PDB file of N, CA and C in Angstrom:
ATOM      1  N   MET A   1      79.992  65.973  64.052  1.00  0.00           N
ATOM      2  CA  MET A   1      79.196  67.240  64.717  1.00  0.00           C
ATOM      3  C   MET A   1      78.990  66.577  66.044  1.00  0.00           C
ATOM      4  N   GLN A   2      78.991  65.333  66.357  1.00  0.00           N
ATOM      5  CA  GLN A   2      78.675  64.590  67.430  1.00  0.00           C
ATOM      6  C   GLN A   2      79.819  64.539  68.201  1.00  0.00           C
ATOM      7  N   ALA A   3      80.827  64.688  67.835  1.00  0.00           N
ATOM      8  CA  ALA A   3      82.128  64.634  68.566  1.00  0.00           C
ATOM      9  C   ALA A   3      82.306  66.201  69.313  1.00  0.00           C
ATOM     10  N   ASP A   4      81.933  66.892  68.677  1.00  0.00           N
ATOM     11  CA  ASP A   4      82.082  68.235  68.779  1.00  0.00           C
ATOM     12  C   ASP A   4      81.322  68.659  69.944  1.00  0.00           C
ATOM     13  N   LEU A   5      80.168  68.651  69.797  1.00  0.00           N
ATOM     14  CA  LEU A   5      79.128  68.215  70.977  1.00  0.00           C
ATOM     15  C   LEU A   5      79.163  67.325  72.308  1.00  0.00           C
ATOM     16  N   GLU A   6      79.856  66.422  72.246  1.00  0.00           N
ATOM     17  CA  GLU A   6      80.790  65.659  73.303  1.00  0.00           C
ATOM     18  C   GLU A   6      81.516  65.857  74.067  1.00  0.00           C
ATOM     19  N   MET A   7      82.496  67.376  73.276  1.00  0.00           N
ATOM     20  CA  MET A   7      83.583  67.621  73.703  1.00  0.00           C
ATOM     21  C   MET A   7      83.034  69.023  74.503  1.00  0.00           C
ATOM     22  N   VAL A   8      82.056  69.693  74.185  1.00  0.00           N
ATOM     23  CA  VAL A   8      81.456  71.076  74.511  1.00  0.00           C
ATOM     24  C   VAL A   8      80.627  70.276  75.676  1.00  0.00           C
ATOM     25  N   ILE A   9      79.899  69.173  75.889  1.00  0.00           N
ATOM     26  CA  ILE A   9      79.431  68.727  76.904  1.00  0.00           C
ATOM     27  C   ILE A   9      80.500  68.398  78.196  1.00  0.00           C
ATOM     28  N   ARG A  10      81.694  67.879  78.128  1.00  0.00           N
ATOM     29  CA  ARG A  10      82.681  67.387  79.069  1.00  0.00           C
ATOM     30  C   ARG A  10      83.459  68.821  79.552  1.00  0.00           C
ATOM     31  N   LEU A  11      83.612  69.544  78.711  1.00  0.00           N
ATOM     32  CA  LEU A  11      84.182  71.082  78.782  1.00  0.00           C
ATOM     33  C   LEU A  11      83.447  71.887  79.666  1.00  0.00           C
ATOM     34  N   ASP A  12      82.237  71.773  79.634  1.00  0.00           N
ATOM     35  CA  ASP A  12      81.130  73.006  80.670  1.00  0.00           C
ATOM     36  C   ASP A  12      79.648  71.647  80.291  1.00  0.00           C
ATOM     37  N   PRO A  13      79.948  71.308  81.217  1.00  0.00           N
ATOM     38  CA  PRO A  13      78.395  70.415  81.802  1.00  0.00           C
ATOM     39  C   PRO A  13      77.092  71.153  82.251  1.00  0.00           C
ATOM     40  N   LEU A  14      77.672  72.302  82.046  1.00  0.00           N
ATOM     41  CA  LEU A  14      76.532  73.136  82.816  1.00  0.00           C
ATOM     42  C   LEU A  14      75.431  74.329  80.833  1.00  0.00           C
ATOM     43  N   ARG A  15      76.594  74.098  80.449  1.00  0.00           N
ATOM     44  CA  ARG A  15      76.125  74.577  78.854  1.00  0.00           C
ATOM     45  C   ARG A  15      74.932  73.743  78.326  1.00  0.00           C
ATOM     46  N   VAL A  16      73.616  74.955  78.067  1.00  0.00           N
ATOM     47  CA  VAL A  16      72.844  74.031  77.934  1.00  0.00           C
ATOM     48  C   VAL A  16      72.590  73.432  76.883  1.00  0.00           C
ATOM     49  N   TYR A  17      72.749  74.363  75.713  1.00  0.00           N
ATOM     50  CA  TYR A  17      72.667  74.212  73.925  1.00  0.00           C
ATOM     51  C   TYR A  17      72.878  73.023  73.380  1.00  0.00           C
ATOM     52  N   PRO A  18      73.911  72.589  74.267  1.00  0.00           N
ATOM     53  CA  PRO A  18      74.873  70.974  73.306  1.00  0.00           C
ATOM     54  C   PRO A  18      73.950  70.061  73.798  1.00  0.00           C
ATOM     55  N   TYR A  19      73.029  69.824  74.600  1.00  0.00           N
ATOM     56  CA  TYR A  19      71.979  68.934  75.113  1.00  0.00           C
ATOM     57  C   TYR A  19      71.176  69.378  73.892  1.00  0.00           C
ATOM     58  N   ARG A  20      70.325  70.177  73.664  1.00  0.00           N
ATOM     59  CA  ARG A  20      69.341  70.512  72.957  1.00  0.00           C
ATOM     60  C   ARG A  20      69.763  69.939  71.609  1.00  0.00           C
ATOM     61  N   TYR A  21      71.296  70.231  70.977  1.00  0.00           N
ATOM     62  CA  TYR A  21      71.115  69.178  69.525  1.00  0.00           C
ATOM     63  C   TYR A  21      71.607  68.072  69.769  1.00  0.00           C
ATOM     64  N   ARG A  22      72.290  68.184  70.833  1.00  0.00           N
ATOM     65  CA  ARG A  22      72.420  66.311  70.785  1.00  0.00           C
ATOM     66  C   ARG A  22      71.231  65.284  71.281  1.00  0.00           C
ATOM     67  N   ALA A  23      70.503  65.172  71.094  1.00  0.00           N
ATOM     68  CA  ALA A  23      69.108  64.628  71.593  1.00  0.00           C
ATOM     69  C   ALA A  23      68.261  65.212  70.624  1.00  0.00           C
ATOM     70  N   PRO A  24      67.944  64.343  69.594  1.00  0.00           N
ATOM     71  CA  PRO A  24      66.868  64.381  68.316  1.00  0.00           C
ATOM     72  C   PRO A  24      66.024  64.712  68.714  1.00  0.00           C
ATOM     73  N   MET A  25      64.830  65.501  68.092  1.00  0.00           N
ATOM     74  CA  MET A  25      63.598  65.794  68.620  1.00  0.00           C
ATOM     75  C   MET A  25      62.142  65.146  67.743  1.00  0.00           C
ATOM     76  N   SER A  26      61.638  64.805  68.202  1.00  0.00           N
ATOM     77  CA  SER A  26      60.492  64.040  67.203  1.00  0.00           C
ATOM     78  C   SER A  26      59.599  65.513  66.528  1.00  0.00           C
ATOM     79  N   ALA A  27      59.351  64.351  65.620  1.00  0.00           N
ATOM     80  CA  ALA A  27      58.628  65.628  64.233  1.00  0.00           C
ATOM     81  C   ALA A  27      57.043  66.253  65.194  1.00  0.00           C
ATOM     82  N   CYS A  28      56.658  65.561  66.500  1.00  0.00           N
ATOM     83  CA  CYS A  28      55.317  66.057  66.772  1.00  0.00           C
ATOM     84  C   CYS A  28      55.982  67.028  67.562  1.00  0.00           C
ATOM     85  N   ALA A  29      57.211  67.327  68.269  1.00  0.00           N
ATOM     86  CA  ALA A  29      57.662  68.332  69.081  1.00  0.00           C
ATOM     87  C   ALA A  29      58.072  69.619  68.050  1.00  0.00           C
ATOM     88  N   GLY A  30      57.401  69.590  66.923  1.00  0.00           N
ATOM     89  CA  GLY A  30      57.459  70.532  66.118  1.00  0.00           C
ATOM     90  C   GLY A  30      59.174  71.587  66.016  1.00  0.00           C
ATOM     91  N   GLU A  31      60.401  70.972  66.317  1.00  0.00           N
ATOM     92  CA  GLU A  31      61.361  71.263  66.073  1.00  0.00           C
ATOM     93  C   GLU A  31      61.939  71.377  64.211  1.00  0.00           C
ATOM     94  N   SER A  32      62.142  71.969  63.918  1.00  0.00           N
ATOM     95  CA  SER A  32      62.938  72.042  62.568  1.00  0.00           C
ATOM     96  C   SER A  32      63.741  71.193  62.630  1.00  0.00           C
ATOM     97  N   GLY A  33      64.106  70.236  61.713  1.00  0.00           N
ATOM     98  CA  GLY A  33      65.340  68.993  61.403  1.00  0.00           C
ATOM     99  C   GLY A  33      64.999  68.147  62.188  1.00  0.00           C
ATOM    100  N   ALA A  34      63.598  68.087  62.314  1.00  0.00           N
ATOM    101  CA  ALA A  34      62.910  66.668  63.876  1.00  0.00           C
ATOM    102  C   ALA A  34      63.743  65.368  63.085  1.00  0.00           C
ATOM    103  N   VAL A  35      63.378  64.766  63.726  1.00  0.00           N
ATOM    104  CA  VAL A  35      63.745  63.188  63.116  1.00  0.00           C
ATOM    105  C   VAL A  35      63.022  62.158  64.249  1.00  0.00           C
ATOM    106  N   LEU A  36      62.587  60.508  63.379  1.00  0.00           N
ATOM    107  CA  LEU A  36      61.683  59.957  64.432  1.00  0.00           C
ATOM    108  C   LEU A  36      62.208  59.479  65.076  1.00  0.00           C
ATOM    109  N   MET A  37      62.493  58.745  66.384  1.00  0.00           N
ATOM    110  CA  MET A  37      62.982  58.417  66.929  1.00  0.00           C
ATOM    111  C   MET A  37      62.494  56.697  67.891  1.00  0.00           C
ATOM    112  N   ASP A  38      62.804  55.887  68.018  1.00  0.00           N
ATOM    113  CA  ASP A  38      62.251  54.501  68.980  1.00  0.00           C
ATOM    114  C   ASP A  38      62.122  55.403  70.243  1.00  0.00           C
ATOM    115  N   ASN A  39      61.232  54.477  70.871  1.00  0.00           N
ATOM    116  CA  ASN A  39      61.069  54.870  72.261  1.00  0.00           C
ATOM    117  C   ASN A  39      62.110  54.660  72.926  1.00  0.00           C
ATOM    118  N   SER A  40      62.795  53.754  72.914  1.00  0.00           N
ATOM    119  CA  SER A  40      64.222  53.326  73.900  1.00  0.00           C
ATOM    120  C   SER A  40      65.154  54.346  73.864  1.00  0.00           C
ATOM    121  N   LYS A  41      65.369  55.519  72.661  1.00  0.00           N
ATOM    122  CA  LYS A  41      66.135  56.433  72.544  1.00  0.00           C
ATOM    123  C   LYS A  41      65.702  57.258  72.945  1.00  0.00           C
ATOM    124  N   ALA A  42      64.490  57.737  72.674  1.00  0.00           N
ATOM    125  CA  ALA A  42      63.588  58.762  72.986  1.00  0.00           C
ATOM    126  C   ALA A  42      63.980  58.736  75.081  1.00  0.00           C
ATOM    127  N   LYS A  43      63.849  57.284  75.572  1.00  0.00           N
ATOM    128  CA  LYS A  43      63.527  57.515  76.868  1.00  0.00           C
ATOM    129  C   LYS A  43      65.357  57.584  77.359  1.00  0.00           C
ATOM    130  N   VAL A  44      66.554  57.121  76.992  1.00  0.00           N
ATOM    131  CA  VAL A  44      67.629  57.738  76.611  1.00  0.00           C
ATOM    132  C   VAL A  44      68.047  59.370  76.893  1.00  0.00           C
ATOM    133  N   ALA A  45      67.420  59.686  75.887  1.00  0.00           N
ATOM    134  CA  ALA A  45      67.392  61.097  76.087  1.00  0.00           C
ATOM    135  C   ALA A  45      67.090  61.748  77.222  1.00  0.00           C
ATOM    136  N   ILE A  46      65.623  61.441  77.446  1.00  0.00           N
ATOM    137  CA  ILE A  46      64.982  61.834  78.701  1.00  0.00           C
ATOM    138  C   ILE A  46      66.101  61.973  79.885  1.00  0.00           C
ATOM    139  N   ALA A  47      66.601  60.402  79.631  1.00  0.00           N
ATOM    140  CA  ALA A  47      67.372  60.120  81.267  1.00  0.00           C
ATOM    141  C   ALA A  47      68.810  61.441  80.674  1.00  0.00           C
ATOM    142  N   GLU A  48      68.933  61.351  79.949  1.00  0.00           N
ATOM    143  CA  GLU A  48      69.955  62.273  79.722  1.00  0.00           C
ATOM    144  C   GLU A  48      69.455  64.116  79.832  1.00  0.00           C
ATOM    145  N   ILE A  49      68.403  64.433  79.019  1.00  0.00           N
ATOM    146  CA  ILE A  49      68.010  65.526  79.810  1.00  0.00           C
ATOM    147  C   ILE A  49      67.648  65.861  81.041  1.00  0.00           C
ATOM    148  N   SER A  50      67.014  65.104  81.951  1.00  0.00           N
ATOM    149  CA  SER A  50      67.230  65.070  83.440  1.00  0.00           C
ATOM    150  C   SER A  50      68.291  65.623  83.978  1.00  0.00           C
ATOM    151  N   ARG A  51      69.529  64.983  83.865  1.00  0.00           N
ATOM    152  CA  ARG A  51      70.739  65.215  84.289  1.00  0.00           C
ATOM    153  C   ARG A  51      71.463  66.329  84.311  1.00  0.00           C
ATOM    154  N   THR A  52      70.754  67.083  82.723  1.00  0.00           N
ATOM    155  CA  THR A  52      71.297  68.513  82.849  1.00  0.00           C
ATOM    156  C   THR A  52      69.912  69.663  83.606  1.00  0.00           C
ATOM    157  N   ILE A  53      69.032  68.831  83.982  1.00  0.00           N
ATOM    158  CA  ILE A  53      68.356  69.819  84.411  1.00  0.00           C
ATOM    159  C   ILE A  53      68.474  69.967  85.881  1.00  0.00           C
ATOM    160  N   SER A  54      69.295  68.784  86.349  1.00  0.00           N
ATOM    161  CA  SER A  54      69.688  68.346  87.649  1.00  0.00           C
ATOM    162  C   SER A  54      70.984  69.435  87.835  1.00  0.00           C
ATOM    163  N   PHE A  55      71.323  70.154  86.710  1.00  0.00           N
ATOM    164  CA  PHE A  55      72.401  71.254  87.461  1.00  0.00           C
ATOM    165  C   PHE A  55      71.774  72.350  87.074  1.00  0.00           C
ATOM    166  N   LYS A  56      71.205  72.320  85.759  1.00  0.00           N
ATOM    167  CA  LYS A  56      70.495  73.831  85.606  1.00  0.00           C
ATOM    168  C   LYS A  56      68.708  73.540  85.248  1.00  0.00           C
ATOM    169  N   ALA A  57      67.918  73.912  85.976  1.00  0.00           N
ATOM    170  CA  ALA A  57      66.853  73.869  84.910  1.00  0.00           C
ATOM    171  C   ALA A  57      66.525  75.032  84.197  1.00  0.00           C
ATOM    172  N   ASP A  58      66.427  74.729  82.774  1.00  0.00           N
ATOM    173  CA  ASP A  58      66.139  76.087  82.302  1.00  0.00           C
ATOM    174  C   ASP A  58      65.372  75.701  81.175  1.00  0.00           C
ATOM    175  N   LEU A  59      64.687  76.815  81.081  1.00  0.00           N
ATOM    176  CA  LEU A  59      63.372  76.593  80.313  1.00  0.00           C
ATOM    177  C   LEU A  59      62.851  75.808  78.781  1.00  0.00           C
ATOM    178  N   HIS A  60      64.385  76.441  78.330  1.00  0.00           N
ATOM    179  CA  HIS A  60      64.898  75.421  77.199  1.00  0.00           C
ATOM    180  C   HIS A  60      64.559  73.990  77.081  1.00  0.00           C
ATOM    181  N   ILE A  61      65.364  73.685  78.175  1.00  0.00           N
ATOM    182  CA  ILE A  61      65.423  72.304  78.250  1.00  0.00           C
ATOM    183  C   ILE A  61      64.287  71.578  79.220  1.00  0.00           C
ATOM    184  N   LEU A  62      63.380  72.316  79.720  1.00  0.00           N
ATOM    185  CA  LEU A  62      61.745  71.576  79.982  1.00  0.00           C
ATOM    186  C   LEU A  62      61.390  71.445  79.124  1.00  0.00           C
ATOM    187  N   HIS A  63      61.158  72.407  78.243  1.00  0.00           N
ATOM    188  CA  HIS A  63      60.639  72.284  77.054  1.00  0.00           C
ATOM    189  C   HIS A  63      61.045  70.960  76.243  1.00  0.00           C
ATOM    190  N   LEU A  64      62.009  71.192  76.333  1.00  0.00           N
ATOM    191  CA  LEU A  64      62.604  69.392  75.373  1.00  0.00           C
ATOM    192  C   LEU A  64      62.691  68.215  75.898  1.00  0.00           C
ATOM    193  N   ARG A  65      62.432  68.505  77.195  1.00  0.00           N
ATOM    194  CA  ARG A  65      61.753  67.054  77.858  1.00  0.00           C
ATOM    195  C   ARG A  65      60.173  66.711  78.163  1.00  0.00           C
ATOM    196  N   ALA A  66      59.754  67.944  77.781  1.00  0.00           N
ATOM    197  CA  ALA A  66      58.184  67.435  77.912  1.00  0.00           C
ATOM    198  C   ALA A  66      57.674  67.319  76.571  1.00  0.00           C
ATOM    199  N   ALA A  67      58.936  67.600  75.289  1.00  0.00           N
ATOM    200  CA  ALA A  67      58.144  66.812  73.955  1.00  0.00           C
ATOM    201  C   ALA A  67      58.722  65.785  73.876  1.00  0.00           C
ATOM    202  N   PHE A  68      60.064  65.145  74.703  1.00  0.00           N
ATOM    203  CA  PHE A  68      60.011  63.512  74.625  1.00  0.00           C
ATOM    204  C   PHE A  68      58.974  63.152  75.204  1.00  0.00           C
ATOM    205  N   HIS A  69      58.697  63.670  76.722  1.00  0.00           N
ATOM    206  CA  HIS A  69      57.474  62.691  77.491  1.00  0.00           C
ATOM    207  C   HIS A  69      56.221  62.488  76.556  1.00  0.00           C
ATOM    208  N   GLU A  70      55.705  63.529  75.744  1.00  0.00           N
ATOM    209  CA  GLU A  70      54.953  63.709  74.947  1.00  0.00           C
ATOM    210  C   GLU A  70      55.450  62.919  73.538  1.00  0.00           C
ATOM    211  N   TYR A  71      55.847  62.397  73.204  1.00  0.00           N
ATOM    212  CA  TYR A  71      56.651  61.818  72.099  1.00  0.00           C
ATOM    213  C   TYR A  71      56.351  60.064  73.123  1.00  0.00           C
ATOM    214  N   VAL A  72      56.426  59.954  73.949  1.00  0.00           N
ATOM    215  CA  VAL A  72      56.956  58.268  74.461  1.00  0.00           C
ATOM    216  C   VAL A  72      54.996  58.259  75.144  1.00  0.00           C
ATOM    217  N   GLY A  73      54.519  59.075  74.845  1.00  0.00           N
ATOM    218  CA  GLY A  73      53.217  58.934  75.496  1.00  0.00           C
ATOM    219  C   GLY A  73      52.913  59.029  77.328  1.00  0.00           C
ATOM    220  N   ASP A  74      54.165  60.090  77.770  1.00  0.00           N
ATOM    221  CA  ASP A  74      54.075  60.040  79.576  1.00  0.00           C
ATOM    222  C   ASP A  74      52.957  61.272  79.157  1.00  0.00           C
ATOM    223  N   VAL A  75      52.160  61.320  79.430  1.00  0.00           N
ATOM    224  CA  VAL A  75      51.488  62.576  79.553  1.00  0.00           C
ATOM    225  C   VAL A  75      51.764  63.108  80.998  1.00  0.00           C
ATOM    226  N   MET A  76      51.840  62.804  81.614  1.00  0.00           N
ATOM    227  CA  MET A  76      51.564  63.380  83.103  1.00  0.00           C
ATOM    228  C   MET A  76      53.335  64.102  83.267  1.00  0.00           C
ATOM    229  N   SER A  77      53.852  63.271  82.827  1.00  0.00           N
ATOM    230  CA  SER A  77      55.643  64.071  83.235  1.00  0.00           C
ATOM    231  C   SER A  77      55.473  65.113  81.933  1.00  0.00           C
ATOM    232  N   ALA A  78      55.382  65.418  80.738  1.00  0.00           N
ATOM    233  CA  ALA A  78      54.802  66.255  79.986  1.00  0.00           C
ATOM    234  C   ALA A  78      54.429  67.286  80.665  1.00  0.00           C
ATOM    235  N   LEU A  79      53.146  66.848  81.255  1.00  0.00           N
ATOM    236  CA  LEU A  79      51.953  68.005  82.117  1.00  0.00           C
ATOM    237  C   LEU A  79      52.891  68.746  83.007  1.00  0.00           C
ATOM    238  N   ARG A  80      53.522  68.196  83.617  1.00  0.00           N
ATOM    239  CA  ARG A  80      54.542  68.373  84.667  1.00  0.00           C
ATOM    240  C   ARG A  80      55.534  69.221  84.494  1.00  0.00           C
ATOM    241  N   ASP A  81      56.470  68.782  83.140  1.00  0.00           N
ATOM    242  CA  ASP A  81      57.833  69.856  82.730  1.00  0.00           C
ATOM    243  C   ASP A  81      56.948  71.038  82.273  1.00  0.00           C
ATOM    244  N   CYS A  82      55.808  71.419  81.109  1.00  0.00           N
ATOM    245  CA  CYS A  82      55.304  72.550  80.859  1.00  0.00           C
ATOM    246  C   CYS A  82      54.880  73.352  81.962  1.00  0.00           C
ATOM    247  N   ARG A  83      54.095  72.958  83.205  1.00  0.00           N
ATOM    248  CA  ARG A  83      53.615  73.718  83.941  1.00  0.00           C
ATOM    249  C   ARG A  83      55.065  73.964  84.810  1.00  0.00           C
ATOM    250  N   ALA A  84      56.070  73.204  85.092  1.00  0.00           N
ATOM    251  CA  ALA A  84      57.158  74.199  85.678  1.00  0.00           C
ATOM    252  C   ALA A  84      57.694  74.969  84.878  1.00  0.00           C
ATOM    253  N   ALA A  85      57.762  75.235  83.666  1.00  0.00           N
ATOM    254  CA  ALA A  85      58.563  75.438  82.055  1.00  0.00           C
ATOM    255  C   ALA A  85      57.143  77.150  81.923  1.00  0.00           C
ATOM    256  N   LEU A  86      56.396  77.039  82.785  1.00  0.00           N
ATOM    257  CA  LEU A  86      55.462  78.415  82.137  1.00  0.00           C
ATOM    258  C   LEU A  86      55.301  78.904  83.626  1.00  0.00           C
ATOM    259  N   SER A  87      55.654  78.307  84.641  1.00  0.00           N
ATOM    260  CA  SER A  87      55.708  78.604  85.836  1.00  0.00           C
ATOM    261  C   SER A  87      57.035  80.145  85.624  1.00  0.00           C
ATOM    262  N   VAL A  88      57.799  79.425  84.994  1.00  0.00           N
ATOM    263  CA  VAL A  88      59.112  80.304  84.839  1.00  0.00           C
ATOM    264  C   VAL A  88      58.317  81.616  83.785  1.00  0.00           C
ATOM    265  N   ASP A  89      58.094  81.513  82.791  1.00  0.00           N
ATOM    266  CA  ASP A  89      57.907  82.382  81.457  1.00  0.00           C
ATOM    267  C   ASP A  89      56.603  81.673  81.310  1.00  0.00           C
ATOM    268  N   PRO A  90      55.184  82.195  81.923  1.00  0.00           N
ATOM    269  CA  PRO A  90      54.211  81.787  81.587  1.00  0.00           C
ATOM    270  C   PRO A  90      53.764  82.572  80.033  1.00  0.00           C
ATOM    271  N   SER A  91      54.746  83.292  78.879  1.00  0.00           N
ATOM    272  CA  SER A  91      54.418  83.844  77.867  1.00  0.00           C
ATOM    273  C   SER A  91      55.034  83.334  77.052  1.00  0.00           C
ATOM    274  N   HIS A  92      55.917  82.275  77.344  1.00  0.00           N
ATOM    275  CA  HIS A  92      56.799  81.743  76.534  1.00  0.00           C
ATOM    276  C   HIS A  92      55.657  80.805  75.335  1.00  0.00           C
ATOM    277  N   GLN A  93      55.576  80.918  74.146  1.00  0.00           N
ATOM    278  CA  GLN A  93      54.682  80.718  73.204  1.00  0.00           C
ATOM    279  C   GLN A  93      54.337  79.169  72.653  1.00  0.00           C
ATOM    280  N   GLU A  94      55.943  78.888  72.647  1.00  0.00           N
ATOM    281  CA  GLU A  94      55.897  77.133  72.094  1.00  0.00           C
ATOM    282  C   GLU A  94      55.453  76.531  73.239  1.00  0.00           C
ATOM    283  N   MET A  95      56.153  76.769  74.614  1.00  0.00           N
ATOM    284  CA  MET A  95      55.844  75.953  75.564  1.00  0.00           C
ATOM    285  C   MET A  95      54.002  75.762  75.816  1.00  0.00           C
ATOM    286  N   MET A  96      53.506  77.184  75.475  1.00  0.00           N
ATOM    287  CA  MET A  96      51.980  77.232  75.758  1.00  0.00           C
ATOM    288  C   MET A  96      51.207  76.502  74.746  1.00  0.00           C
ATOM    289  N   GLU A  97      52.105  76.329  73.621  1.00  0.00           N
ATOM    290  CA  GLU A  97      51.344  75.468  72.570  1.00  0.00           C
ATOM    291  C   GLU A  97      51.695  73.884  73.029  1.00  0.00           C
ATOM    292  N   LEU A  98      52.737  73.445  73.731  1.00  0.00           N
ATOM    293  CA  LEU A  98      53.041  71.985  73.736  1.00  0.00           C
ATOM    294  C   LEU A  98      51.754  72.005  74.961  1.00  0.00           C
ATOM    295  N   HIS A  99      51.830  72.815  75.800  1.00  0.00           N
ATOM    296  CA  HIS A  99      51.039  72.405  77.052  1.00  0.00           C
ATOM    297  C   HIS A  99      49.590  72.314  76.973  1.00  0.00           C
ATOM    298  N   SER A 100      48.772  73.393  75.613  1.00  0.00           N
ATOM    299  CA  SER A 100      48.065  72.915  75.039  1.00  0.00           C
ATOM    300  C   SER A 100      47.676  71.815  74.633  1.00  0.00           C
ATOM    301  N   ASN A 101      48.951  71.185  73.358  1.00  0.00           N
ATOM    302  CA  ASN A 101      48.970  70.022  72.817  1.00  0.00           C
ATOM    303  C   ASN A 101      48.669  68.696  73.948  1.00  0.00           C
ATOM    304  N   VAL A 102      49.410  68.763  75.143  1.00  0.00           N
ATOM    305  CA  VAL A 102      49.560  67.426  76.382  1.00  0.00           C
ATOM    306  C   VAL A 102      48.749  67.801  76.893  1.00  0.00           C
ATOM    307  N   ASN A 103      47.678  68.575  77.423  1.00  0.00           N
ATOM    308  CA  ASN A 103      46.867  68.946  77.737  1.00  0.00           C
ATOM    309  C   ASN A 103      45.220  68.127  77.185  1.00  0.00           C
ATOM    310  N   CYS A 104      45.278  68.055  76.076  1.00  0.00           N
ATOM    311  CA  CYS A 104      44.109  67.715  75.463  1.00  0.00           C
ATOM    312  C   CYS A 104      44.214  66.082  75.543  1.00  0.00           C
ATOM    313  N   GLN A 105      45.247  65.536  75.682  1.00  0.00           N
ATOM    314  CA  GLN A 105      45.989  64.007  75.821  1.00  0.00           C
ATOM    315  C   GLN A 105      45.707  63.390  77.524  1.00  0.00           C
ATOM    316  N   GLU A 106      45.513  64.282  78.339  1.00  0.00           N
ATOM    317  CA  GLU A 106      45.610  64.332  79.600  1.00  0.00           C
ATOM    318  C   GLU A 106      43.803  62.825  79.980  1.00  0.00           C
ATOM    319  N   PRO A 107      44.504  61.898  80.688  1.00  0.00           N
ATOM    320  CA  PRO A 107      43.607  60.756  80.673  1.00  0.00           C
ATOM    321  C   PRO A 107      42.461  61.507  81.704  1.00  0.00           C
TER     322      PRO A 107
END
C-alpha cells in the first residue's frame, strides 16, 4: 500500500488524500486505525504535510497537521492550523473538537 501511495503522490502531487493515509495519525487525534509514533516521525510527517499545504491548503490537510502539532506538543502551531481551517469552514465538527482540545492546552 505504501508503494501505491508513493506512486499516486509522484503522479499527482496536488491530490490531497494520499498524504492523509501516508502519514499515520496519533490515537489522541481521534482517527480510526490510528497508531502512536515517536516525535521524530511526527515531525517528519508535519514537514511532509506542510509541503502539501504549500501546494493546496485543504481543510482536511490543515486538520491533519494540527493534530500532529498537538501530538508533539506544539500547541501554538496546532491552534494556528485550527484557526486557519475554521476560517474556511467554521462548522467543521472535527476541527471544532480539535480546536477545543488544543485551546484547553494553551499556555
